[in-house]
Amino acid sequence: MVLLILGEESLIIKPKSFASKNMAFKARIIVVLTFLMLAVGFVAAQAPSAAKVEKGSQTAKNGFKNEDEIRDKFNNWKTDEDARVWLAAMNYKAADIEAVLAAKPHGEKADVEVRIKTKAGEKVEGISIKLVSSPTGFNQIDKRWLATYARMWRMPTEVRDALKLFVGEVPPVGSQAASLRVTPKSINSQAGSLRSDKRMYLNEFDAATQKAVVDFFTANKEEIVSDLFAGDGVHAAGWVMVAFKATDKPRWVIRSSADTIKFFGEGKVEITRTGNLKIGRVTMQRKGGDGGRETAKMLQFKINPVQLFDAK
């Protein structure tokens, strides 16, 4: 006796009567069996693809999206291959390391601090981390009020006053602003007009003021670029890491702050066609944005972090 279940129907077929069933019924059996065979084959064919998806998910998990994950990778250095390579790049031999403890300080130049205990002693390494997803994107490395930078770098009054107009702390009206403005013919604009009534661009100043700004940043370039990248004090960053996250498995590069400062500081100081300041590979500009709030008037320094991959 054969019990055949088709959908919601159950039929009992006796051996003697099985051969006597009409052709339509036999065709129905063949269709069902063919469907079952195809289904089994389909599942088997899908097994490699499923494995590939699982592998892709694993690759993504091994990547990192933010500073928290980088901190955690350092803390798991005994089993995390990336962390062991990073430590080697920072001149630590795995055989000499006894313990690693990474943490995230708040509001400091170092995004992650790694305390490394070796046979020779204990040292804290500060790492500034730049996470980028575009090869042409820009990343802020420092932003403060002009007055803070003026104190840090001992800006001359002439330079500070010009930058007050540049960020918009002082609007470009009155006799002082007028005396610093370039002649209308030089800026190729309507007589007496500026690009904005709220601030001035560096290429809108007269030649003497432009020279004063360029000369100041040229003379103090090494100190300025060092402060922008490394900072100072106990939470200074001795290393800079760039993680390029365009794929599930990020590319990364880690360089000492000294090498990073040297690389991004290479090149002359000059005023750009857009009226900002270029300090080697670093761009200085007014922050802007923020819905017009006062914080839009802060001074901002930016780089393209991906360029560090090209550093020699």
C-alpha atoms as a PDB file:
ATOM      1  CA  MET A   1       0.000   0.000   0.000  1.00  0.00           C
ATOM      2  CA  VAL A   2       1.232   3.485  -0.836  1.00  0.00           C
ATOM      3  CA  LEU A   3       0.212   6.670   1.002  1.00  0.00           C
ATOM      4  CA  LEU A   4       0.577   9.715  -1.243  1.00  0.00           C
ATOM      5  CA  ILE A   5       0.079  13.244   0.094  1.00  0.00           C
ATOM      6  CA  LEU A   6      -0.496  15.972  -2.491  1.00  0.00           C
ATOM      7  CA  GLY A   7      -1.242  19.391  -1.042  1.00  0.00           C
ATOM      8  CA  GLU A   8      -4.193  18.964   1.294  1.00  0.00           C
ATOM      9  CA  GLU A   9      -5.300  15.653  -0.311  1.00  0.00           C
ATOM     10  CA  SER A  10      -4.297  12.198   0.966  1.00  0.00           C
ATOM     11  CA  LEU A  11      -4.826   9.185  -1.318  1.00  0.00           C
ATOM     12  CA  ILE A  12      -4.346   5.506  -0.503  1.00  0.00           C
ATOM     13  CA  ILE A  13      -3.312   3.521  -3.545  1.00  0.00           C
ATOM     14  CA  LYS A  14      -3.331  -0.292  -3.528  1.00  0.00           C
ATOM     15  CA  PRO A  15      -0.631  -2.039  -5.594  1.00  0.00           C
ATOM     16  CA  LYS A  16      -3.177  -3.850  -7.755  1.00  0.00           C
ATOM     17  CA  SER A  17      -4.977  -0.677  -8.687  1.00  0.00           C
ATOM     18  CA  PHE A  18      -1.888   1.500  -9.088  1.00  0.00           C
ATOM     19  CA  ALA A  19      -1.298   0.504 -12.721  1.00  0.00           C
ATOM     20  CA  SER A  20      -4.882   1.190 -13.605  1.00  0.00           C
ATOM     21  CA  LYS A  21      -4.797   4.891 -12.750  1.00  0.00           C
ATOM     22  CA  ASN A  22      -5.279   7.165 -15.693  1.00  0.00           C
ATOM     23  CA  MET A  23      -2.488   9.074 -17.415  1.00  0.00           C
ATOM     24  CA  ALA A  24      -3.472  12.366 -15.840  1.00  0.00           C
ATOM     25  CA  PHE A  25      -2.864  11.013 -12.363  1.00  0.00           C
ATOM     26  CA  LYS A  26       0.520   9.573 -13.395  1.00  0.00           C
ATOM     27  CA  ALA A  27       1.466  12.938 -14.844  1.00  0.00           C
ATOM     28  CA  ARG A  28       0.582  14.557 -11.532  1.00  0.00           C
ATOM     29  CA  ILE A  29       2.946  12.205  -9.692  1.00  0.00           C
ATOM     30  CA  ILE A  30       5.754  12.934 -12.151  1.00  0.00           C
ATOM     31  CA  VAL A  31       5.304  16.686 -11.729  1.00  0.00           C
ATOM     32  CA  VAL A  32       5.480  16.406  -7.933  1.00  0.00           C
ATOM     33  CA  LEU A  33       8.596  14.200  -8.006  1.00  0.00           C
ATOM     34  CA  THR A  34      10.275  16.495 -10.521  1.00  0.00           C
ATOM     35  CA  PHE A  35       9.525  19.504  -8.326  1.00  0.00           C
ATOM     36  CA  LEU A  36      11.036  17.759  -5.293  1.00  0.00           C
ATOM     37  CA  MET A  37      14.195  16.857  -7.224  1.00  0.00           C
ATOM     38  CA  LEU A  38      14.609  20.407  -8.510  1.00  0.00           C
ATOM     39  CA  ALA A  39      14.120  21.802  -5.010  1.00  0.00           C
ATOM     40  CA  VAL A  40      16.840  19.560  -3.590  1.00  0.00           C
ATOM     41  CA  GLY A  41      19.182  20.565  -6.400  1.00  0.00           C
ATOM     42  CA  PHE A  42      18.432  24.261  -5.842  1.00  0.00           C
ATOM     43  CA  VAL A  43      19.259  24.053  -2.128  1.00  0.00           C
ATOM     44  CA  ALA A  44      22.509  22.260  -2.879  1.00  0.00           C
ATOM     45  CA  ALA A  45      23.437  24.847  -5.490  1.00  0.00           C
ATOM     46  CA  GLN A  46      22.825  27.652  -3.014  1.00  0.00           C
ATOM     47  CA  ALA A  47      25.173  26.240  -0.348  1.00  0.00           C
ATOM     48  CA  PRO A  48      28.384  27.833  -1.772  1.00  0.00           C
ATOM     49  CA  SER A  49      26.667  31.232  -2.114  1.00  0.00           C
ATOM     50  CA  ALA A  50      25.493  31.084   1.477  1.00  0.00           C
ATOM     51  CA  ALA A  51      29.050  30.316   2.545  1.00  0.00           C
ATOM     52  CA  LYS A  52      30.265  33.305   0.535  1.00  0.00           C
ATOM     53  CA  VAL A  53      27.754  35.603   2.244  1.00  0.00           C
ATOM     54  CA  GLU A  54      28.847  34.336   5.646  1.00  0.00           C
ATOM     55  CA  LYS A  55      32.475  34.927   4.756  1.00  0.00           C
ATOM     56  CA  GLY A  56      31.651  38.472   3.625  1.00  0.00           C
ATOM     57  CA  SER A  57      29.898  39.161   6.918  1.00  0.00           C
ATOM     58  CA  GLN A  58      32.935  37.919   8.798  1.00  0.00           C
ATOM     59  CA  THR A  59      35.188  40.224   6.800  1.00  0.00           C
ATOM     60  CA  ALA A  60      32.976  43.185   7.646  1.00  0.00           C
ATOM     61  CA  LYS A  61      33.052  42.290  11.359  1.00  0.00           C
ATOM     62  CA  ASN A  62      36.831  42.283  11.259  1.00  0.00           C
ATOM     63  CA  GLY A  63      36.815  45.876  10.051  1.00  0.00           C
ATOM     64  CA  PHE A  64      36.389  48.878  12.303  1.00  0.00           C
ATOM     65  CA  LYS A  65      33.997  51.811  12.155  1.00  0.00           C
ATOM     66  CA  ASN A  66      35.128  54.148  14.936  1.00  0.00           C
ATOM     67  CA  GLU A  67      37.635  54.888  17.662  1.00  0.00           C
ATOM     68  CA  ASP A  68      35.827  52.595  20.114  1.00  0.00           C
ATOM     69  CA  GLU A  69      36.478  49.579  17.923  1.00  0.00           C
ATOM     70  CA  ILE A  70      40.125  50.549  17.439  1.00  0.00           C
ATOM     71  CA  ARG A  71      40.487  50.843  21.213  1.00  0.00           C
ATOM     72  CA  ASP A  72      38.909  47.405  21.630  1.00  0.00           C
ATOM     73  CA  LYS A  73      41.216  45.874  19.035  1.00  0.00           C
ATOM     74  CA  PHE A  74      44.236  47.134  20.973  1.00  0.00           C
ATOM     75  CA  ASN A  75      42.802  45.643  24.158  1.00  0.00           C
ATOM     76  CA  ASN A  76      42.469  42.298  22.351  1.00  0.00           C
ATOM     77  CA  TRP A  77      45.994  42.486  20.958  1.00  0.00           C
ATOM     78  CA  LYS A  78      46.852  38.896  21.847  1.00  0.00           C
ATOM     79  CA  THR A  79      44.315  37.576  19.334  1.00  0.00           C
ATOM     80  CA  ASP A  80      43.721  40.579  17.056  1.00  0.00           C
ATOM     81  CA  GLU A  81      46.039  40.502  14.064  1.00  0.00           C
ATOM     82  CA  ASP A  82      45.490  44.179  13.174  1.00  0.00           C
ATOM     83  CA  ALA A  83      46.434  45.343  16.664  1.00  0.00           C
ATOM     84  CA  ARG A  84      49.622  43.294  16.605  1.00  0.00           C
ATOM     85  CA  VAL A  85      50.617  44.865  13.280  1.00  0.00           C
ATOM     86  CA  TRP A  86      49.842  48.344  14.633  1.00  0.00           C
ATOM     87  CA  LEU A  87      52.016  47.718  17.667  1.00  0.00           C
ATOM     88  CA  ALA A  88      54.820  46.537  15.401  1.00  0.00           C
ATOM     89  CA  ALA A  89      54.448  49.715  13.335  1.00  0.00           C
ATOM     90  CA  MET A  90      54.864  51.630  16.600  1.00  0.00           C
ATOM     91  CA  ASN A  91      58.162  49.793  17.135  1.00  0.00           C
ATOM     92  CA  TYR A  92      56.983  47.247  19.698  1.00  0.00           C
ATOM     93  CA  LYS A  93      57.972  43.587  19.431  1.00  0.00           C
ATOM     94  CA  ALA A  94      55.211  41.159  20.374  1.00  0.00           C
ATOM     95  CA  ALA A  95      57.673  39.031  22.362  1.00  0.00           C
ATOM     96  CA  ASP A  96      58.520  42.024  24.564  1.00  0.00           C
ATOM     97  CA  ILE A  97      54.923  43.064  25.334  1.00  0.00           C
ATOM     98  CA  GLU A  98      53.487  41.973  28.654  1.00  0.00           C
ATOM     99  CA  ALA A  99      50.226  43.935  28.702  1.00  0.00           C
ATOM    100  CA  VAL A 100      48.244  46.476  26.670  1.00  0.00           C
ATOM    101  CA  LEU A 101      45.454  48.700  27.972  1.00  0.00           C
ATOM    102  CA  ALA A 102      43.736  51.165  25.600  1.00  0.00           C
ATOM    103  CA  ALA A 103      41.290  53.918  26.571  1.00  0.00           C
ATOM    104  CA  LYS A 104      39.606  56.958  25.044  1.00  0.00           C
ATOM    105  CA  PRO A 105      40.391  60.292  26.708  1.00  0.00           C
ATOM    106  CA  HIS A 106      37.725  62.961  26.390  1.00  0.00           C
ATOM    107  CA  GLY A 107      38.334  66.137  24.412  1.00  0.00           C
ATOM    108  CA  GLU A 108      42.043  65.558  23.884  1.00  0.00           C
ATOM    109  CA  LYS A 109      44.230  65.555  20.770  1.00  0.00           C
ATOM    110  CA  ALA A 110      44.802  61.813  21.210  1.00  0.00           C
ATOM    111  CA  ASP A 111      41.614  59.898  20.308  1.00  0.00           C
ATOM    112  CA  VAL A 112      42.952  56.678  21.812  1.00  0.00           C
ATOM    113  CA  GLU A 113      45.661  56.247  24.440  1.00  0.00           C
ATOM    114  CA  VAL A 114      47.426  52.905  24.618  1.00  0.00           C
ATOM    115  CA  ARG A 115      49.326  51.958  27.764  1.00  0.00           C
ATOM    116  CA  ILE A 116      51.943  49.379  26.804  1.00  0.00           C
ATOM    117  CA  LYS A 117      53.888  47.408  29.403  1.00  0.00           C
ATOM    118  CA  THR A 118      57.055  45.714  28.196  1.00  0.00           C
ATOM    119  CA  LYS A 119      60.044  44.106  29.815  1.00  0.00           C
ATOM    120  CA  ALA A 120      61.756  47.496  29.669  1.00  0.00           C
ATOM    121  CA  GLY A 121      58.957  49.378  31.407  1.00  0.00           C
ATOM    122  CA  GLU A 122      55.627  51.062  30.723  1.00  0.00           C
ATOM    123  CA  LYS A 123      54.749  53.784  28.215  1.00  0.00           C
ATOM    124  CA  VAL A 124      51.565  55.567  27.109  1.00  0.00           C
ATOM    125  CA  GLU A 125      51.152  56.167  23.381  1.00  0.00           C
ATOM    126  CA  GLY A 126      48.592  58.738  22.211  1.00  0.00           C
ATOM    127  CA  ILE A 127      47.058  58.147  18.772  1.00  0.00           C
ATOM    128  CA  SER A 128      45.102  60.695  16.754  1.00  0.00           C
ATOM    129  CA  ILE A 129      42.676  58.789  14.504  1.00  0.00           C
ATOM    130  CA  LYS A 130      41.190  60.008  11.220  1.00  0.00           C
ATOM    131  CA  LEU A 131      38.393  57.867   9.787  1.00  0.00           C
ATOM    132  CA  VAL A 132      37.577  58.706   6.170  1.00  0.00           C
ATOM    133  CA  SER A 133      35.352  57.173   3.503  1.00  0.00           C
ATOM    134  CA  SER A 134      36.319  59.260   0.461  1.00  0.00           C
ATOM    135  CA  PRO A 135      39.738  59.681  -1.184  1.00  0.00           C
ATOM    136  CA  THR A 136      39.009  63.367  -1.784  1.00  0.00           C
ATOM    137  CA  GLY A 137      37.313  64.262   1.479  1.00  0.00           C
ATOM    138  CA  PHE A 138      38.608  66.700   4.079  1.00  0.00           C
ATOM    139  CA  ASN A 139      38.896  66.161   7.799  1.00  0.00           C
ATOM    140  CA  GLN A 140      39.100  68.787  10.531  1.00  0.00           C
ATOM    141  CA  ILE A 141      42.272  68.522  12.588  1.00  0.00           C
ATOM    142  CA  ASP A 142      41.731  71.544  14.824  1.00  0.00           C
ATOM    143  CA  LYS A 143      39.151  74.262  15.496  1.00  0.00           C
ATOM    144  CA  ARG A 144      39.252  77.048  18.077  1.00  0.00           C
ATOM    145  CA  TRP A 145      38.395  80.674  18.615  1.00  0.00           C
ATOM    146  CA  LEU A 146      40.812  83.093  17.019  1.00  0.00           C
ATOM    147  CA  ALA A 147      41.737  84.570  20.401  1.00  0.00           C
ATOM    148  CA  THR A 148      43.011  81.156  21.532  1.00  0.00           C
ATOM    149  CA  TYR A 149      45.276  80.787  18.504  1.00  0.00           C
ATOM    150  CA  ALA A 150      46.431  84.394  18.871  1.00  0.00           C
ATOM    151  CA  ARG A 151      47.649  83.636  22.410  1.00  0.00           C
ATOM    152  CA  MET A 152      49.144  80.245  21.498  1.00  0.00           C
ATOM    153  CA  TRP A 153      51.141  81.575  18.562  1.00  0.00           C
ATOM    154  CA  ARG A 154      51.751  85.146  19.745  1.00  0.00           C
ATOM    155  CA  MET A 155      50.113  86.722  16.712  1.00  0.00           C
ATOM    156  CA  PRO A 156      51.071  90.296  15.872  1.00  0.00           C
ATOM    157  CA  THR A 157      48.214  92.795  16.135  1.00  0.00           C
ATOM    158  CA  GLU A 158      48.155  93.334  12.373  1.00  0.00           C
ATOM    159  CA  VAL A 159      47.627  89.626  11.691  1.00  0.00           C
ATOM    160  CA  ARG A 160      45.077  89.185  14.468  1.00  0.00           C
ATOM    161  CA  ASP A 161      43.027  92.161  13.276  1.00  0.00           C
ATOM    162  CA  ALA A 162      43.015  90.848   9.707  1.00  0.00           C
ATOM    163  CA  LEU A 163      41.865  87.411  10.865  1.00  0.00           C
ATOM    164  CA  LYS A 164      39.060  88.986  12.903  1.00  0.00           C
ATOM    165  CA  LEU A 165      37.711  90.295   9.610  1.00  0.00           C
ATOM    166  CA  PHE A 166      38.437  86.952   7.954  1.00  0.00           C
ATOM    167  CA  VAL A 167      36.306  84.920  10.402  1.00  0.00           C
ATOM    168  CA  GLY A 168      33.677  87.644  10.764  1.00  0.00           C
ATOM    169  CA  GLU A 169      34.235  88.574  14.393  1.00  0.00           C
ATOM    170  CA  VAL A 170      34.462  92.122  13.065  1.00  0.00           C
ATOM    171  CA  PRO A 171      32.210  92.957  10.082  1.00  0.00           C
ATOM    172  CA  PRO A 172      33.930  94.572   7.066  1.00  0.00           C
ATOM    173  CA  VAL A 173      32.544  98.073   7.645  1.00  0.00           C
ATOM    174  CA  GLY A 174      34.083 101.287   8.916  1.00  0.00           C
ATOM    175  CA  SER A 175      37.391 102.990   8.310  1.00  0.00           C
ATOM    176  CA  GLN A 176      39.583 100.126   9.607  1.00  0.00           C
ATOM    177  CA  ALA A 177      38.126  97.569   7.198  1.00  0.00           C
ATOM    178  CA  ALA A 178      38.206 100.058   4.349  1.00  0.00           C
ATOM    179  CA  SER A 179      41.893 100.786   4.921  1.00  0.00           C
ATOM    180  CA  LEU A 180      42.770  97.084   4.699  1.00  0.00           C
ATOM    181  CA  ARG A 181      40.768  96.343   1.588  1.00  0.00           C
ATOM    182  CA  VAL A 182      42.400  95.710  -1.752  1.00  0.00           C
ATOM    183  CA  THR A 183      41.584  98.141  -4.570  1.00  0.00           C
ATOM    184  CA  PRO A 184      38.460  97.232  -6.584  1.00  0.00           C
ATOM    185  CA  LYS A 185      40.471  96.629  -9.764  1.00  0.00           C
ATOM    186  CA  SER A 186      42.612  94.026  -8.039  1.00  0.00           C
ATOM    187  CA  ILE A 187      39.655  91.896  -6.948  1.00  0.00           C
ATOM    188  CA  ASN A 188      37.930  92.210 -10.318  1.00  0.00           C
ATOM    189  CA  SER A 189      34.589  93.174  -8.809  1.00  0.00           C
ATOM    190  CA  GLN A 190      32.187  96.042  -8.705  1.00  0.00           C
ATOM    191  CA  ALA A 191      33.626  99.181  -7.218  1.00  0.00           C
ATOM    192  CA  GLY A 192      33.879  98.871  -3.457  1.00  0.00           C
ATOM    193  CA  SER A 193      32.010  95.559  -3.227  1.00  0.00           C
ATOM    194  CA  LEU A 194      33.022  92.445  -1.279  1.00  0.00           C
ATOM    195  CA  ARG A 195      31.915  88.825  -1.597  1.00  0.00           C
ATOM    196  CA  SER A 196      30.172  89.038   1.773  1.00  0.00           C
ATOM    197  CA  ASP A 197      28.921  91.789   4.032  1.00  0.00           C
ATOM    198  CA  LYS A 198      29.691  89.643   7.084  1.00  0.00           C
ATOM    199  CA  ARG A 199      33.380  88.874   6.636  1.00  0.00           C
ATOM    200  CA  MET A 200      36.393  89.298   4.346  1.00  0.00           C
ATOM    201  CA  TYR A 201      38.416  86.741   2.433  1.00  0.00           C
ATOM    202  CA  LEU A 202      42.189  86.890   2.561  1.00  0.00           C
ATOM    203  CA  ASN A 203      42.492  87.834  -1.113  1.00  0.00           C
ATOM    204  CA  GLU A 204      40.294  90.868  -0.450  1.00  0.00           C
ATOM    205  CA  PHE A 205      42.912  92.463   1.811  1.00  0.00           C
ATOM    206  CA  ASP A 206      45.517  94.860   0.487  1.00  0.00           C
ATOM    207  CA  ALA A 207      48.932  93.499  -0.515  1.00  0.00           C
ATOM    208  CA  ALA A 208      50.642  94.593   2.714  1.00  0.00           C
ATOM    209  CA  THR A 209      48.085  92.782   4.902  1.00  0.00           C
ATOM    210  CA  GLN A 210      48.191  89.624   2.779  1.00  0.00           C
ATOM    211  CA  LYS A 211      51.986  89.614   3.070  1.00  0.00           C
ATOM    212  CA  ALA A 212      51.829  90.072   6.846  1.00  0.00           C
ATOM    213  CA  VAL A 213      49.529  87.026   7.181  1.00  0.00           C
ATOM    214  CA  VAL A 214      51.623  84.840   4.877  1.00  0.00           C
ATOM    215  CA  ASP A 215      54.896  85.894   6.504  1.00  0.00           C
ATOM    216  CA  PHE A 216      53.606  85.135  10.008  1.00  0.00           C
ATOM    217  CA  PHE A 217      52.416  81.602   9.169  1.00  0.00           C
ATOM    218  CA  THR A 218      55.583  80.945   7.166  1.00  0.00           C
ATOM    219  CA  ALA A 219      57.852  81.963  10.040  1.00  0.00           C
ATOM    220  CA  ASN A 220      55.878  79.889  12.563  1.00  0.00           C
ATOM    221  CA  LYS A 221      54.818  77.009  10.337  1.00  0.00           C
ATOM    222  CA  GLU A 222      56.615  74.232  12.222  1.00  0.00           C
ATOM    223  CA  GLU A 223      55.144  75.200  15.609  1.00  0.00           C
ATOM    224  CA  ILE A 224      51.676  75.767  14.157  1.00  0.00           C
ATOM    225  CA  VAL A 225      51.442  72.471  12.270  1.00  0.00           C
ATOM    226  CA  SER A 226      52.821  70.619  15.305  1.00  0.00           C
ATOM    227  CA  ASP A 227      50.136  72.097  17.557  1.00  0.00           C
ATOM    228  CA  LEU A 228      47.426  71.232  15.026  1.00  0.00           C
ATOM    229  CA  PHE A 229      48.369  67.542  14.847  1.00  0.00           C
ATOM    230  CA  ALA A 230      50.039  66.564  18.092  1.00  0.00           C
ATOM    231  CA  GLY A 231      48.963  69.104  20.680  1.00  0.00           C
ATOM    232  CA  ASP A 232      50.918  69.198  23.910  1.00  0.00           C
ATOM    233  CA  GLY A 233      50.797  68.024  27.510  1.00  0.00           C
ATOM    234  CA  VAL A 234      50.179  64.524  28.852  1.00  0.00           C
ATOM    235  CA  HIS A 235      47.481  63.773  26.256  1.00  0.00           C
ATOM    236  CA  ALA A 236      49.507  64.790  23.208  1.00  0.00           C
ATOM    237  CA  ALA A 237      49.309  62.471  20.200  1.00  0.00           C
ATOM    238  CA  GLY A 238      52.590  60.809  19.313  1.00  0.00           C
ATOM    239  CA  TRP A 239      51.009  58.893  16.428  1.00  0.00           C
ATOM    240  CA  VAL A 240      48.497  59.544  13.647  1.00  0.00           C
ATOM    241  CA  MET A 241      46.379  56.751  12.184  1.00  0.00           C
ATOM    242  CA  VAL A 242      44.278  57.109   9.033  1.00  0.00           C
ATOM    243  CA  ALA A 243      41.655  54.440   8.325  1.00  0.00           C
ATOM    244  CA  PHE A 244      40.188  54.542   4.823  1.00  0.00           C
ATOM    245  CA  LYS A 245      36.745  52.938   5.155  1.00  0.00           C
ATOM    246  CA  ALA A 246      35.620  52.764   1.524  1.00  0.00           C
ATOM    247  CA  THR A 247      35.327  48.970   1.828  1.00  0.00           C
ATOM    248  CA  ASP A 248      34.265  46.532   4.556  1.00  0.00           C
ATOM    249  CA  LYS A 249      37.903  45.903   5.369  1.00  0.00           C
ATOM    250  CA  PRO A 250      39.528  49.325   5.855  1.00  0.00           C
ATOM    251  CA  ARG A 251      42.989  50.227   4.680  1.00  0.00           C
ATOM    252  CA  TRP A 252      45.044  51.901   7.341  1.00  0.00           C
ATOM    253  CA  VAL A 253      48.308  53.728   7.786  1.00  0.00           C
ATOM    254  CA  ILE A 254      50.001  54.781  11.006  1.00  0.00           C
ATOM    255  CA  ARG A 255      52.814  57.328  11.182  1.00  0.00           C
ATOM    256  CA  SER A 256      54.568  59.103  14.001  1.00  0.00           C
ATOM    257  CA  SER A 257      53.316  62.619  14.632  1.00  0.00           C
ATOM    258  CA  ALA A 258      56.774  63.934  13.720  1.00  0.00           C
ATOM    259  CA  ASP A 259      56.598  62.301  10.279  1.00  0.00           C
ATOM    260  CA  THR A 260      52.974  63.429   9.832  1.00  0.00           C
ATOM    261  CA  ILE A 261      53.798  67.016  10.757  1.00  0.00           C
ATOM    262  CA  LYS A 262      56.733  67.032   8.365  1.00  0.00           C
ATOM    263  CA  PHE A 263      54.614  65.620   5.520  1.00  0.00           C
ATOM    264  CA  PHE A 264      51.599  67.913   5.876  1.00  0.00           C
ATOM    265  CA  GLY A 265      53.828  70.918   6.549  1.00  0.00           C
ATOM    266  CA  GLU A 266      55.724  70.452   3.277  1.00  0.00           C
ATOM    267  CA  GLY A 267      55.113  73.249   0.788  1.00  0.00           C
ATOM    268  CA  LYS A 268      54.798  76.989   0.929  1.00  0.00           C
ATOM    269  CA  VAL A 269      52.273  79.172   2.701  1.00  0.00           C
ATOM    270  CA  GLU A 270      49.994  80.932   0.248  1.00  0.00           C
ATOM    271  CA  ILE A 271      46.569  82.480  -0.140  1.00  0.00           C
ATOM    272  CA  THR A 272      44.294  80.349  -2.297  1.00  0.00           C
ATOM    273  CA  ARG A 273      42.076  81.490  -5.160  1.00  0.00           C
ATOM    274  CA  THR A 274      39.075  81.092  -2.845  1.00  0.00           C
ATOM    275  CA  GLY A 275      40.593  83.441  -0.271  1.00  0.00           C
ATOM    276  CA  ASN A 276      41.635  80.882   2.346  1.00  0.00           C
ATOM    277  CA  LEU A 277      45.178  80.069   3.502  1.00  0.00           C
ATOM    278  CA  LYS A 278      47.187  77.029   2.489  1.00  0.00           C
ATOM    279  CA  ILE A 279      49.931  76.002   4.940  1.00  0.00           C
ATOM    280  CA  GLY A 280      51.750  73.224   3.106  1.00  0.00           C
ATOM    281  CA  ARG A 281      49.030  70.573   2.783  1.00  0.00           C
ATOM    282  CA  VAL A 282      46.875  72.125   5.533  1.00  0.00           C
ATOM    283  CA  THR A 283      43.981  74.484   4.739  1.00  0.00           C
ATOM    284  CA  MET A 284      42.957  77.287   7.114  1.00  0.00           C
ATOM    285  CA  GLN A 285      39.430  78.639   6.754  1.00  0.00           C
ATOM    286  CA  ARG A 286      36.496  80.131   8.606  1.00  0.00           C
ATOM    287  CA  LYS A 287      34.392  77.316  10.038  1.00  0.00           C
ATOM    288  CA  GLY A 288      31.070  78.568   8.679  1.00  0.00           C
ATOM    289  CA  GLY A 289      27.789  76.654   8.823  1.00  0.00           C
ATOM    290  CA  ASP A 290      26.178  76.102  12.244  1.00  0.00           C
ATOM    291  CA  GLY A 291      23.031  77.917  11.121  1.00  0.00           C
ATOM    292  CA  GLY A 292      24.759  81.265  11.431  1.00  0.00           C
ATOM    293  CA  ARG A 293      25.515  80.844  15.142  1.00  0.00           C
ATOM    294  CA  GLU A 294      28.582  82.454  16.696  1.00  0.00           C
ATOM    295  CA  THR A 295      30.516  79.190  16.419  1.00  0.00           C
ATOM    296  CA  ALA A 296      30.533  79.669  12.632  1.00  0.00           C
ATOM    297  CA  LYS A 297      33.167  82.359  13.279  1.00  0.00           C
ATOM    298  CA  MET A 298      35.728  79.931  14.667  1.00  0.00           C
ATOM    299  CA  LEU A 299      38.994  79.306  12.830  1.00  0.00           C
ATOM    300  CA  GLN A 300      39.296  75.816  11.351  1.00  0.00           C
ATOM    301  CA  PHE A 301      42.187  73.755   9.957  1.00  0.00           C
ATOM    302  CA  LYS A 302      41.568  70.842   7.583  1.00  0.00           C
ATOM    303  CA  ILE A 303      43.509  68.194   5.675  1.00  0.00           C
ATOM    304  CA  ASN A 304      42.832  65.351   3.285  1.00  0.00           C
ATOM    305  CA  PRO A 305      43.952  62.450   5.532  1.00  0.00           C
ATOM    306  CA  VAL A 306      44.194  59.973   2.627  1.00  0.00           C
ATOM    307  CA  GLN A 307      47.289  61.863   1.453  1.00  0.00           C
ATOM    308  CA  LEU A 308      49.177  60.274   4.357  1.00  0.00           C
ATOM    309  CA  PHE A 309      49.164  56.981   2.421  1.00  0.00           C
ATOM    310  CA  ASP A 310      51.556  58.698  -0.021  1.00  0.00           C
ATOM    311  CA  ALA A 311      53.987  59.855   2.663  1.00  0.00           C
ATOM    312  CA  LYS A 312      57.478  58.423   2.264  1.00  0.00           C
END
